[in-house]
Amino acid sequence: MNENSTLRYLGEAYGSVSSNLELIWSALGSDVAIQIYTLTAALVFAGYGVSFVLRSLQDFAGAMRDAFRRA
């Protein structure tokens, strides 16, 4: 291949990749995608909160059990 055909091939490849990436970026930035991100973040936060509360209750129950064993 000579230099001109190589540059043309690279230009075409770049054009096809960039057009595909534009479709992906526009899909990731759509309103539905943002709602999904928000819902996922809310579910993760709620899961963390539930696990924190359960772990705190287990720690409290363990402390109470230890206190009544000593008494």
Protein backbone atom coordinates (compact mmCIF):
# COMPACT_ATOMS: atom_id res chain seq x y z
CA MET A 1 0.00 0.00 0.00
CA ASN A 2 1.21 3.44 -0.69
CA GLU A 3 0.95 6.33 1.70
CA ASN A 4 -2.26 7.81 0.22
CA SER A 5 -4.24 4.57 0.37
CA THR A 6 -3.07 3.95 3.94
CA LEU A 7 -4.24 7.40 4.98
CA ARG A 8 -7.55 6.89 3.20
CA TYR A 9 -8.03 3.53 4.95
CA LEU A 10 -7.22 5.06 8.35
CA GLY A 11 -9.61 7.93 7.66
CA GLU A 12 -12.42 5.53 6.76
CA ALA A 13 -11.73 3.39 9.81
CA TYR A 14 -11.72 6.46 12.05
CA GLY A 15 -14.98 7.64 10.49
CA SER A 16 -16.76 4.35 11.10
CA VAL A 17 -15.46 4.05 14.67
CA SER A 18 -16.36 7.63 15.54
CA SER A 19 -19.88 7.24 14.13
CA ASN A 20 -20.39 4.09 16.19
CA LEU A 21 -19.06 5.81 19.29
CA GLU A 22 -21.40 8.76 18.73
CA LEU A 23 -24.35 6.36 18.76
CA ILE A 24 -23.12 4.76 21.98
CA TRP A 25 -22.45 8.10 23.67
CA SER A 26 -25.87 9.43 22.67
CA ALA A 27 -27.52 6.26 24.03
CA LEU A 28 -25.58 6.54 27.30
CA GLY A 29 -26.61 10.17 27.65
CA SER A 30 -30.29 9.65 26.89
CA ASP A 31 -33.01 10.37 29.44
CA VAL A 32 -33.80 6.68 29.88
CA ALA A 33 -30.16 5.84 30.56
CA ILE A 34 -29.90 8.63 33.12
CA GLN A 35 -33.03 7.33 34.85
CA ILE A 36 -31.50 3.86 34.93
CA TYR A 37 -28.27 5.28 36.42
CA THR A 38 -30.26 7.13 39.06
CA LEU A 39 -32.34 4.07 39.92
CA THR A 40 -29.22 1.92 40.16
CA ALA A 41 -27.54 4.43 42.45
CA ALA A 42 -30.65 4.58 44.64
CA LEU A 43 -30.80 0.78 44.89
CA VAL A 44 -27.10 0.57 45.77
CA PHE A 45 -27.52 3.26 48.42
CA ALA A 46 -30.61 1.53 49.84
CA GLY A 47 -28.77 -1.80 49.92
CA TYR A 48 -25.87 -0.21 51.74
CA GLY A 49 -28.27 1.39 54.23
CA VAL A 50 -30.03 -1.91 54.92
CA SER A 51 -26.73 -3.73 55.40
CA PHE A 52 -25.52 -0.98 57.74
CA VAL A 53 -28.68 -1.19 59.85
CA LEU A 54 -28.56 -5.00 59.99
CA ARG A 55 -24.90 -4.99 60.98
CA SER A 56 -25.59 -2.38 63.67
CA LEU A 57 -28.46 -4.46 65.06
CA GLN A 58 -26.24 -7.56 65.12
CA ASP A 59 -23.54 -5.65 66.96
CA PHE A 60 -26.10 -4.30 69.44
CA ALA A 61 -27.57 -7.77 70.00
CA GLY A 62 -24.08 -9.17 70.55
CA ALA A 63 -23.28 -6.43 73.05
CA MET A 64 -26.55 -7.07 74.91
CA ARG A 65 -25.88 -10.80 74.98
CA ASP A 66 -22.41 -10.23 76.39
CA ALA A 67 -23.77 -7.81 79.00
CA PHE A 68 -26.39 -10.31 80.23
CA ARG A 69 -23.85 -13.15 80.35
CA ARG A 70 -21.64 -11.12 82.67
CA ALA A 71 -24.50 -10.05 84.92
